N, C-alpha and C. Protein backbone atom coordinates (compact mmCIF):
# COMPACT_ATOMS: atom_id res chain seq x y z
N MET A 1 132.15 164.14 -70.59
CA MET A 1 131.16 163.42 -69.13
C MET A 1 132.59 163.48 -68.38
N ARG A 2 133.66 162.35 -69.02
CA ARG A 2 134.75 162.59 -68.42
C ARG A 2 135.65 163.59 -68.07
N TRP A 3 135.84 164.93 -69.07
CA TRP A 3 136.23 165.85 -68.59
C TRP A 3 135.82 166.82 -67.10
N ASP A 4 134.58 166.46 -67.34
CA ASP A 4 133.97 166.99 -66.02
C ASP A 4 134.18 166.24 -64.69
N ALA A 5 134.21 164.78 -64.67
CA ALA A 5 134.81 164.25 -63.11
C ALA A 5 136.40 164.55 -63.04
N LEU A 6 136.83 164.42 -64.18
CA LEU A 6 138.37 164.74 -63.81
C LEU A 6 138.75 166.35 -63.50
N PHE A 7 137.48 167.32 -63.82
CA PHE A 7 137.68 169.04 -63.25
C PHE A 7 137.10 168.61 -61.82
N ASP A 8 136.48 167.69 -61.58
CA ASP A 8 135.95 167.77 -60.29
C ASP A 8 136.85 167.59 -59.47
N ASP A 9 137.35 165.81 -59.68
CA ASP A 9 138.41 165.69 -59.02
C ASP A 9 139.73 166.23 -58.60
N LEU A 10 139.72 167.32 -59.46
CA LEU A 10 141.37 168.56 -59.02
C LEU A 10 140.48 169.48 -58.13
N ALA A 11 139.38 169.44 -58.43
CA ALA A 11 138.41 170.92 -57.60
C ALA A 11 138.57 170.07 -56.43
N ALA A 12 138.39 169.01 -55.96
CA ALA A 12 138.35 168.20 -54.91
C ALA A 12 139.87 168.35 -54.31
N GLN A 13 140.59 167.88 -54.79
CA GLN A 13 142.03 167.93 -54.57
C GLN A 13 142.68 169.03 -53.99
N LEU A 14 141.97 170.33 -54.44
CA LEU A 14 142.58 171.51 -54.30
C LEU A 14 142.35 171.49 -53.25
N ALA A 15 140.32 172.39 -52.73
CA ALA A 15 139.92 171.80 -51.54
C ALA A 15 140.59 171.36 -50.45
N ALA A 16 140.80 169.79 -51.15
CA ALA A 16 141.53 169.57 -49.64
C ALA A 16 142.89 170.02 -49.09
N ALA A 17 143.57 170.33 -50.14
CA ALA A 17 144.97 170.62 -50.02
C ALA A 17 145.26 172.30 -49.21
N GLU A 18 143.74 173.13 -49.15
CA GLU A 18 143.83 174.21 -49.02
C GLU A 18 143.49 174.09 -47.59
N ARG A 19 142.63 173.13 -47.07
CA ARG A 19 142.12 172.79 -45.89
C ARG A 19 143.33 172.53 -44.85
N ALA A 20 143.91 171.24 -45.97
CA ALA A 20 145.06 170.93 -44.70
C ALA A 20 146.32 172.34 -44.62
N GLU A 21 146.38 172.99 -45.42
CA GLU A 21 146.92 174.18 -45.33
C GLU A 21 146.39 175.31 -43.94
N LEU A 22 145.39 174.99 -44.27
CA LEU A 22 144.70 175.72 -43.50
C LEU A 22 144.81 175.19 -42.25
N THR A 23 144.28 174.31 -41.75
CA THR A 23 144.35 173.31 -40.74
C THR A 23 145.99 173.73 -40.17
N GLY A 24 146.96 173.19 -40.90
CA GLY A 24 148.57 173.55 -40.19
C GLY A 24 148.67 175.13 -39.92
N ALA A 25 148.18 175.63 -40.51
CA ALA A 25 148.52 177.22 -40.32
C ALA A 25 147.90 177.26 -38.77
N VAL A 26 146.57 177.04 -38.58
CA VAL A 26 145.73 177.46 -37.79
C VAL A 26 146.31 176.39 -36.16
N ALA A 27 146.89 175.30 -36.23
CA ALA A 27 147.89 174.74 -35.40
C ALA A 27 149.07 175.42 -35.12
N ASP A 28 150.12 175.43 -35.85
CA ASP A 28 151.02 176.83 -35.73
C ASP A 28 150.71 177.80 -34.80
N LEU A 29 149.48 178.54 -35.25
CA LEU A 29 149.30 179.54 -34.81
C LEU A 29 148.73 179.46 -33.42
N THR A 30 148.45 178.43 -32.89
CA THR A 30 147.12 178.33 -31.74
C THR A 30 149.01 177.75 -30.67
N ARG A 31 150.07 176.97 -31.19
CA ARG A 31 150.97 176.51 -30.39
C ARG A 31 152.00 177.97 -30.26
N ALA A 32 152.10 179.15 -31.66
CA ALA A 32 152.72 180.03 -31.05
C ALA A 32 152.15 180.96 -29.60
N GLU A 33 150.76 180.77 -29.95
CA GLU A 33 150.00 181.59 -28.64
C GLU A 33 149.84 181.10 -27.73
N HIS A 34 149.95 179.69 -27.12
CA HIS A 34 150.24 179.27 -26.16
C HIS A 34 151.41 179.19 -25.29
N ALA A 35 152.48 179.67 -26.76
CA ALA A 35 154.03 180.07 -26.40
C ALA A 35 154.09 181.38 -25.34
N THR A 36 153.06 182.15 -25.45
CA THR A 36 153.29 183.46 -25.10
C THR A 36 152.07 183.56 -23.55
N VAL A 37 151.70 182.38 -23.39
CA VAL A 37 150.84 182.36 -22.08
C VAL A 37 152.15 182.21 -21.04
N SER A 38 151.94 182.99 -19.95
CA SER A 38 152.53 182.53 -18.52
C SER A 38 151.24 181.61 -18.09
N LEU A 39 152.71 180.93 -16.65
CA LEU A 39 151.32 180.54 -15.28
C LEU A 39 150.84 181.63 -14.72
N VAL A 40 151.15 182.69 -14.14
CA VAL A 40 150.56 183.55 -13.56
C VAL A 40 148.75 183.74 -14.55
N GLU A 41 149.28 184.05 -15.80
CA GLU A 41 147.87 184.15 -15.95
C GLU A 41 146.87 183.14 -16.94
N ARG A 42 147.50 181.93 -16.58
CA ARG A 42 146.69 180.66 -16.20
C ARG A 42 146.31 180.33 -15.01
N LEU A 43 146.92 181.13 -14.08
CA LEU A 43 146.29 180.90 -12.21
C LEU A 43 145.35 181.78 -12.94
N ARG A 44 145.28 183.19 -13.26
CA ARG A 44 144.42 184.23 -13.13
C ARG A 44 143.23 183.65 -14.18
N GLY A 45 143.00 183.01 -14.67
CA GLY A 45 141.57 181.99 -15.47
C GLY A 45 141.18 180.95 -14.57
N ALA A 46 142.15 180.47 -13.92
CA ALA A 46 141.68 179.20 -12.54
C ALA A 46 139.92 179.62 -12.35
N GLU A 47 139.08 178.53 -12.95
CA GLU A 47 137.88 177.84 -12.21
C GLU A 47 138.19 177.15 -11.44
N GLY A 48 136.93 177.07 -10.37
CA GLY A 48 137.14 175.69 -8.87
C GLY A 48 138.20 175.58 -8.68
N THR A 49 138.61 174.51 -8.18
CA THR A 49 140.17 174.23 -6.67
C THR A 49 141.05 173.95 -7.49
N VAL A 50 141.89 174.64 -7.28
CA VAL A 50 143.63 174.31 -7.90
C VAL A 50 144.51 173.72 -6.82
N THR A 51 145.45 172.72 -7.08
CA THR A 51 146.05 172.71 -5.82
C THR A 51 148.00 173.01 -6.66
N LEU A 52 148.57 174.12 -5.36
CA LEU A 52 149.74 173.98 -5.68
C LEU A 52 150.69 173.53 -5.52
N GLU A 53 151.52 172.77 -6.09
CA GLU A 53 152.47 172.00 -5.34
C GLU A 53 153.94 172.64 -4.75
N LEU A 54 154.17 172.49 -3.63
CA LEU A 54 155.18 173.59 -3.47
C LEU A 54 156.75 173.17 -3.23
N ARG A 55 157.93 173.52 -3.51
CA ARG A 55 159.08 173.29 -3.50
C ARG A 55 159.33 171.97 -2.51
N ASP A 56 159.00 171.89 -1.60
CA ASP A 56 159.00 171.42 -0.51
C ASP A 56 158.52 170.08 -0.86
N GLY A 57 157.44 170.06 -1.22
CA GLY A 57 156.64 168.62 -1.44
C GLY A 57 155.56 169.17 -0.84
N SER A 58 155.15 170.17 -0.31
CA SER A 58 153.78 170.24 0.35
C SER A 58 152.79 170.66 -0.36
N ARG A 59 151.61 170.82 -0.30
CA ARG A 59 150.34 170.83 -0.94
C ARG A 59 149.70 172.10 -0.43
N VAL A 60 148.99 173.64 -1.78
CA VAL A 60 148.04 174.52 -1.22
C VAL A 60 146.82 174.54 -2.15
N THR A 61 145.81 173.85 -1.69
CA THR A 61 144.42 173.77 -2.23
C THR A 61 143.23 174.51 -1.81
N GLY A 62 142.85 175.12 -3.16
CA GLY A 62 141.91 175.99 -2.72
C GLY A 62 141.30 176.65 -3.72
N VAL A 63 140.74 177.91 -3.80
CA VAL A 63 140.29 178.48 -4.86
C VAL A 63 141.49 179.49 -4.76
N VAL A 64 142.03 179.87 -6.17
CA VAL A 64 142.28 180.97 -6.33
C VAL A 64 141.59 182.00 -6.28
N ARG A 65 141.97 183.57 -5.03
CA ARG A 65 141.17 184.57 -5.04
C ARG A 65 142.00 185.55 -5.72
N ASP A 66 143.03 186.05 -5.59
CA ASP A 66 144.17 186.83 -6.60
C ASP A 66 145.02 186.31 -7.02
N VAL A 67 146.08 187.10 -8.07
CA VAL A 67 147.07 186.89 -8.69
C VAL A 67 148.06 188.03 -8.89
N ALA A 68 149.25 187.82 -8.67
CA ALA A 68 150.06 189.27 -9.23
C ALA A 68 151.19 188.62 -9.91
N THR A 69 152.05 188.93 -10.50
CA THR A 69 153.47 188.49 -11.22
C THR A 69 154.40 187.84 -9.78
N ASP A 70 153.98 188.09 -9.10
CA ASP A 70 155.02 187.76 -7.57
C ASP A 70 154.68 186.72 -7.00
N TRP A 71 152.80 186.44 -6.79
CA TRP A 71 152.73 185.74 -5.56
C TRP A 71 150.63 185.38 -6.40
N VAL A 72 150.43 184.51 -5.67
CA VAL A 72 148.97 184.45 -5.55
C VAL A 72 148.24 183.47 -4.41
N LEU A 73 147.15 184.21 -4.02
CA LEU A 73 146.37 184.00 -3.31
C LEU A 73 145.44 183.27 -3.51
N VAL A 74 145.25 181.82 -2.31
CA VAL A 74 144.33 180.85 -2.91
C VAL A 74 143.88 180.95 -1.75
N GLU A 75 142.46 180.65 -1.27
CA GLU A 75 141.80 180.72 -0.27
C GLU A 75 140.94 179.05 0.20
N GLU A 76 141.32 178.75 1.27
CA GLU A 76 140.84 177.33 1.29
C GLU A 76 139.59 177.29 2.52
N GLN A 77 138.56 176.66 2.26
CA GLN A 77 137.88 177.31 3.29
C GLN A 77 137.82 178.76 4.05
N GLN A 78 138.40 178.62 5.29
CA GLN A 78 138.33 179.83 5.95
C GLN A 78 139.65 180.12 5.64
N ARG A 79 140.42 179.73 5.28
CA ARG A 79 142.06 180.34 5.41
C ARG A 79 142.45 180.54 4.53
N GLN A 80 143.15 181.77 4.39
CA GLN A 80 143.83 182.12 3.49
C GLN A 80 145.80 182.24 3.03
N HIS A 81 145.95 181.47 1.76
CA HIS A 81 147.37 181.25 2.19
C HIS A 81 148.22 182.11 0.66
N LEU A 82 148.81 182.69 1.03
CA LEU A 82 149.92 183.58 -0.13
C LEU A 82 150.91 182.95 -0.39
N VAL A 83 151.05 182.49 -1.51
CA VAL A 83 152.37 181.69 -2.03
C VAL A 83 153.40 182.55 -2.99
N PRO A 84 154.18 182.75 -2.59
CA PRO A 84 155.08 183.35 -3.60
C PRO A 84 155.41 182.29 -4.68
N SER A 85 155.70 183.18 -6.14
CA SER A 85 155.21 182.50 -7.78
C SER A 85 156.54 181.38 -7.60
N GLY A 86 157.82 182.09 -7.28
CA GLY A 86 158.69 181.62 -7.21
C GLY A 86 158.78 179.91 -6.40
N ALA A 87 157.94 179.61 -5.21
CA ALA A 87 157.92 178.33 -4.53
C ALA A 87 156.53 177.58 -4.69
N VAL A 88 156.39 177.68 -6.34
CA VAL A 88 155.11 176.57 -6.81
C VAL A 88 156.05 176.21 -7.89
N ALA A 89 155.93 174.81 -7.31
CA ALA A 89 157.15 173.33 -8.47
C ALA A 89 155.62 172.83 -9.55
N ALA A 90 154.60 173.08 -9.17
CA ALA A 90 153.79 172.41 -10.31
C ALA A 90 152.41 172.78 -10.03
N VAL A 91 151.31 172.92 -10.82
CA VAL A 91 149.81 173.14 -10.57
C VAL A 91 149.35 172.15 -10.99
N THR A 92 147.58 171.88 -9.98
CA THR A 92 147.13 170.61 -10.78
C THR A 92 145.61 171.65 -10.50
N GLY A 93 145.06 171.31 -11.46
CA GLY A 93 143.60 171.81 -11.56
C GLY A 93 143.19 173.04 -12.51
N LEU A 94 144.05 173.22 -13.34
CA LEU A 94 143.95 174.45 -14.16
C LEU A 94 143.60 173.82 -15.21
N GLY A 95 142.35 174.70 -16.23
CA GLY A 95 141.37 174.88 -16.83
C GLY A 95 142.44 174.97 -18.45
N ARG A 96 141.71 175.60 -19.29
CA ARG A 96 142.66 175.43 -20.84
C ARG A 96 142.50 176.87 -20.63
N PHE A 97 142.45 178.07 -19.82
CA PHE A 97 142.07 179.02 -20.11
C PHE A 97 142.76 180.02 -19.56
N ALA A 98 143.33 181.11 -20.14
CA ALA A 98 144.42 182.13 -19.50
C ALA A 98 143.63 183.48 -19.38
N ARG A 99 143.96 184.09 -18.40
CA ARG A 99 143.91 185.72 -18.25
C ARG A 99 144.81 186.89 -17.92
N PRO A 100 144.56 187.40 -18.77
CA PRO A 100 146.14 188.68 -18.97
C PRO A 100 145.80 189.28 -17.63
N ALA A 101 146.16 190.11 -16.93
CA ALA A 101 145.99 191.17 -16.23
C ALA A 101 145.32 192.36 -16.73
N THR A 102 144.15 192.76 -15.46
CA THR A 102 143.36 194.00 -16.39
C THR A 102 143.70 195.36 -15.96
N THR A 103 144.67 195.19 -14.42
CA THR A 103 145.18 196.24 -14.44
C THR A 103 146.85 196.23 -14.08
N GLU A 104 147.34 197.39 -14.11
CA GLU A 104 148.99 197.59 -13.84
C GLU A 104 149.06 197.19 -12.55
N ARG A 105 148.09 196.98 -11.51
CA ARG A 105 148.22 196.44 -10.37
C ARG A 105 148.71 195.46 -9.90
N ALA A 106 148.49 194.07 -10.89
CA ALA A 106 149.38 192.94 -10.72
C ALA A 106 150.56 192.90 -11.42
N GLU A 107 151.46 194.03 -12.11
CA GLU A 107 152.52 194.26 -11.99
C GLU A 107 153.22 194.75 -10.67
N ARG A 108 152.20 196.30 -10.42
CA ARG A 108 152.72 196.63 -9.07
C ARG A 108 153.23 196.01 -7.78
N LEU A 109 151.87 195.71 -7.60
CA LEU A 109 151.68 194.61 -6.01
C LEU A 109 153.19 193.52 -6.20
N GLY A 110 153.99 193.85 -5.88
CA GLY A 110 155.07 192.76 -5.27
C GLY A 110 154.87 191.92 -3.89
N LEU A 111 155.33 191.23 -3.78
CA LEU A 111 155.35 190.48 -2.36
C LEU A 111 155.24 190.94 -1.00
N GLY A 112 156.29 192.06 -1.12
CA GLY A 112 156.72 193.08 0.12
C GLY A 112 155.27 193.56 -0.01
N HIS A 113 154.78 194.64 -0.80
CA HIS A 113 153.60 195.18 -0.19
C HIS A 113 152.55 194.88 0.41
N VAL A 114 152.22 193.14 0.03
CA VAL A 114 151.25 192.56 0.36
C VAL A 114 151.90 191.96 2.12
N LEU A 115 153.06 192.29 2.08
CA LEU A 115 153.76 191.51 3.59
C LEU A 115 153.06 192.69 4.30
N ARG A 116 153.57 193.58 4.24
CA ARG A 116 153.62 195.13 4.78
C ARG A 116 152.20 195.45 4.77
N ALA A 117 151.23 195.00 4.37
CA ALA A 117 149.77 194.97 4.90
C ALA A 117 149.26 194.14 5.84
N LEU A 118 149.97 192.72 5.85
CA LEU A 118 149.51 191.76 6.68
C LEU A 118 150.13 192.36 8.02
N MET A 119 151.96 193.32 7.79
CA MET A 119 152.33 193.85 8.87
C MET A 119 151.29 194.72 9.74
N ARG A 120 151.24 195.43 8.88
CA ARG A 120 149.78 196.47 8.92
C ARG A 120 148.95 196.67 9.92
N ASP A 121 147.92 195.31 9.34
CA ASP A 121 147.03 195.02 10.17
C ASP A 121 147.31 194.21 11.51
N ARG A 122 148.48 193.60 11.54
CA ARG A 122 148.85 192.90 13.35
C ARG A 122 148.00 191.83 13.16
N ARG A 123 148.38 190.72 11.53
CA ARG A 123 147.10 189.61 11.25
C ARG A 123 148.14 188.19 11.93
N PRO A 124 147.97 187.17 12.54
CA PRO A 124 148.92 186.29 13.11
C PRO A 124 148.93 185.56 11.91
N VAL A 125 149.75 185.37 11.52
CA VAL A 125 150.00 184.26 10.09
C VAL A 125 151.05 183.08 10.82
N GLN A 126 151.06 182.08 9.83
CA GLN A 126 152.01 180.98 9.53
C GLN A 126 153.09 181.08 8.87
N VAL A 127 153.92 181.23 8.86
CA VAL A 127 155.36 181.69 7.72
C VAL A 127 155.69 179.96 7.64
N ARG A 128 155.52 179.61 6.26
CA ARG A 128 156.57 177.73 6.08
C ARG A 128 157.30 178.37 5.05
N VAL A 129 158.46 177.73 5.65
CA VAL A 129 159.53 177.87 4.65
C VAL A 129 160.25 175.84 4.62
N HIS A 130 161.14 175.68 3.78
CA HIS A 130 161.68 174.14 3.98
C HIS A 130 161.47 173.49 4.57
N THR A 131 161.88 174.14 5.94
CA THR A 131 162.31 173.08 7.02
C THR A 131 161.35 173.23 8.38
N ALA A 132 160.47 174.14 8.04
CA ALA A 132 159.91 174.21 9.06
C ALA A 132 158.19 175.19 8.87
N ALA A 133 157.59 175.38 9.76
CA ALA A 133 156.52 176.50 9.86
C ALA A 133 156.22 176.92 11.04
N TYR A 134 156.57 178.27 11.02
CA TYR A 134 156.95 179.35 12.22
C TYR A 134 155.43 179.80 12.23
N PRO A 135 154.90 179.58 13.43
CA PRO A 135 153.68 180.67 13.68
C PRO A 135 154.61 182.07 14.82
N GLY A 136 153.24 183.34 14.17
CA GLY A 136 153.78 184.46 14.55
C GLY A 136 153.45 185.55 14.43
N TRP A 137 153.65 187.07 14.58
CA TRP A 137 153.40 188.13 13.32
C TRP A 137 154.24 188.46 12.71
N ILE A 138 153.96 189.32 12.07
CA ILE A 138 155.10 190.12 10.99
C ILE A 138 155.38 191.29 11.75
N SER A 139 156.75 191.20 11.76
CA SER A 139 156.88 192.62 12.58
C SER A 139 157.86 193.94 11.53
N ARG A 140 158.71 193.44 10.68
CA ARG A 140 159.28 194.40 9.92
C ARG A 140 158.86 193.04 8.21
N VAL A 141 159.15 194.56 6.89
CA VAL A 141 159.33 193.93 5.84
C VAL A 141 160.11 194.30 5.63
N GLY A 142 161.03 193.86 4.98
CA GLY A 142 162.55 194.21 4.64
C GLY A 142 162.71 194.08 2.79
N LYS A 143 163.66 194.82 2.14
CA LYS A 143 164.07 194.28 0.89
C LYS A 143 163.95 193.07 0.10
N ASP A 144 163.96 192.54 0.87
CA ASP A 144 164.66 190.71 0.55
C ASP A 144 164.45 190.05 2.04
N HIS A 145 163.81 190.49 3.00
CA HIS A 145 163.33 189.11 4.19
C HIS A 145 161.95 189.86 4.72
N VAL A 146 161.29 189.37 5.59
CA VAL A 146 160.42 189.29 7.09
C VAL A 146 160.81 188.76 8.39
N ASP A 147 160.27 189.80 8.90
CA ASP A 147 160.97 189.56 10.76
C ASP A 147 159.28 189.05 10.89
N LEU A 148 159.70 187.97 12.01
CA LEU A 148 158.22 187.35 12.46
C LEU A 148 159.03 187.00 13.95
N GLU A 149 157.94 187.92 14.72
CA GLU A 149 157.49 187.71 15.95
C GLU A 149 156.79 186.60 16.35
N VAL A 150 157.32 186.11 17.71
CA VAL A 150 156.62 185.34 18.12
C VAL A 150 155.07 185.60 19.01
N SER A 151 155.19 186.90 19.21
CA SER A 151 154.09 187.31 19.99
C SER A 151 154.21 189.15 19.68
N PRO A 152 152.81 189.33 19.23
CA PRO A 152 152.99 190.97 19.35
C PRO A 152 153.75 191.73 20.15
N GLY A 153 154.36 192.48 19.55
CA GLY A 153 155.52 193.52 20.82
C GLY A 153 156.90 192.63 21.26
N ALA A 154 156.97 191.32 21.29
CA ALA A 154 158.25 190.40 21.22
C ALA A 154 159.42 191.14 20.75
N ARG A 155 160.43 191.38 21.87
CA ARG A 155 161.56 191.88 21.58
C ARG A 155 162.45 190.33 20.91
N HIS A 156 162.21 189.62 21.81
CA HIS A 156 163.16 188.22 22.01
C HIS A 156 162.27 186.65 20.72
N GLY A 157 163.07 186.34 20.24
CA GLY A 157 162.33 185.02 19.50
C GLY A 157 161.91 186.05 17.51
N THR A 158 162.63 186.61 17.29
CA THR A 158 162.09 187.82 15.95
C THR A 158 163.03 186.28 15.15
N ARG A 159 162.40 186.23 13.99
CA ARG A 159 162.99 185.16 13.21
C ARG A 159 163.00 185.95 12.05
N SER A 160 164.09 185.92 11.32
CA SER A 160 164.24 186.44 9.68
C SER A 160 164.11 185.96 8.42
N VAL A 161 163.45 185.57 8.02
CA VAL A 161 162.98 184.75 6.54
C VAL A 161 163.41 185.92 5.52
N PRO A 162 164.36 184.84 4.58
CA PRO A 162 164.92 185.74 3.52
C PRO A 162 163.59 185.15 2.31
N TYR A 163 163.30 186.56 1.63
CA TYR A 163 162.05 185.94 0.63
C TYR A 163 162.06 184.63 0.02
N ALA A 164 163.70 184.44 -0.45
CA ALA A 164 164.17 183.06 -1.26
C ALA A 164 163.16 181.86 -0.45
N ALA A 165 163.65 181.66 1.24
CA ALA A 165 162.99 180.82 1.34
C ALA A 165 161.79 180.51 1.50
N LEU A 166 160.85 181.32 2.00
CA LEU A 166 159.53 181.40 1.68
C LEU A 166 158.76 180.57 1.37
N LEU A 167 157.68 179.95 1.61
CA LEU A 167 157.01 178.68 0.63
C LEU A 167 155.60 179.28 0.70
N CYS A 168 155.22 180.07 1.57
CA CYS A 168 153.88 180.23 1.99
C CYS A 168 153.69 180.73 3.12
N VAL A 169 152.52 181.88 2.81
CA VAL A 169 152.41 182.65 4.29
C VAL A 169 150.83 182.66 4.68
N SER A 170 150.46 181.79 5.43
CA SER A 170 148.73 181.59 5.96
C SER A 170 148.36 182.35 6.77
N ASP A 171 147.39 182.75 6.86
CA ASP A 171 146.78 183.29 7.78
C ASP A 171 145.94 182.58 9.03
N SER A 172 146.11 183.02 10.19
CA SER A 172 145.31 181.68 11.73
C SER A 172 144.21 181.27 11.10
N TRP A 173 143.58 180.40 11.91
CA TRP A 173 142.37 179.82 11.60
C TRP A 173 141.71 180.79 12.65
N PRO A 174 140.14 181.04 12.18
CA PRO A 174 139.50 181.58 12.92
C PRO A 174 139.61 181.24 14.82
N GLY A 175 139.62 182.69 15.36
CA GLY A 175 139.62 182.09 16.70
C GLY A 175 141.57 182.95 17.46
N GLY A 176 142.14 183.21 16.21
CA GLY A 176 143.15 183.16 16.49
C GLY A 176 144.71 183.34 16.45
N ALA A 177 144.35 181.68 16.46
CA ALA A 177 145.98 180.67 16.77
C ALA A 177 146.31 180.32 15.64
N ALA A 178 147.53 180.44 15.44
CA ALA A 178 148.06 179.89 14.00
C ALA A 178 148.42 178.87 13.94
N ARG A 179 147.69 177.84 12.90
CA ARG A 179 148.59 176.21 13.10
C ARG A 179 149.55 176.06 12.40
């Protein structure tokens, strides 16, 4: 009987050691997998409301509608905000889940593509930079900058904004006036 108890004890110790080793291996694999997840993938997996804290201290709060490598589109009630990925200082409200790109579109659609679509549609926008917010219409999209007109077709008052300075491009409120 003493032998049986000794063997049972050894078997229990071996099983506990195997469980501890497996738990450690799972923890290591989990940490390694988390290290491969990008913020863009976390934003794609967002459910509900998130808050993007921008480099200037301002915030954009809403539901993530679309995400690409270079930008995130957030909808706040009836207004949408296009935020360059590089303008994001922090995000609150993210869940634990991430979602990789399901198509190559997310890799191909850069910030310039979206800005050109806004230009083509002649939508009034508000362009926010660190020092101010400028209402107007996008008149030209260059390789590294966007031109903003104070009114459609205006030749005077055009402001050129480098992509690096962009914090957010918001559409105007319903009724046509950018705020």
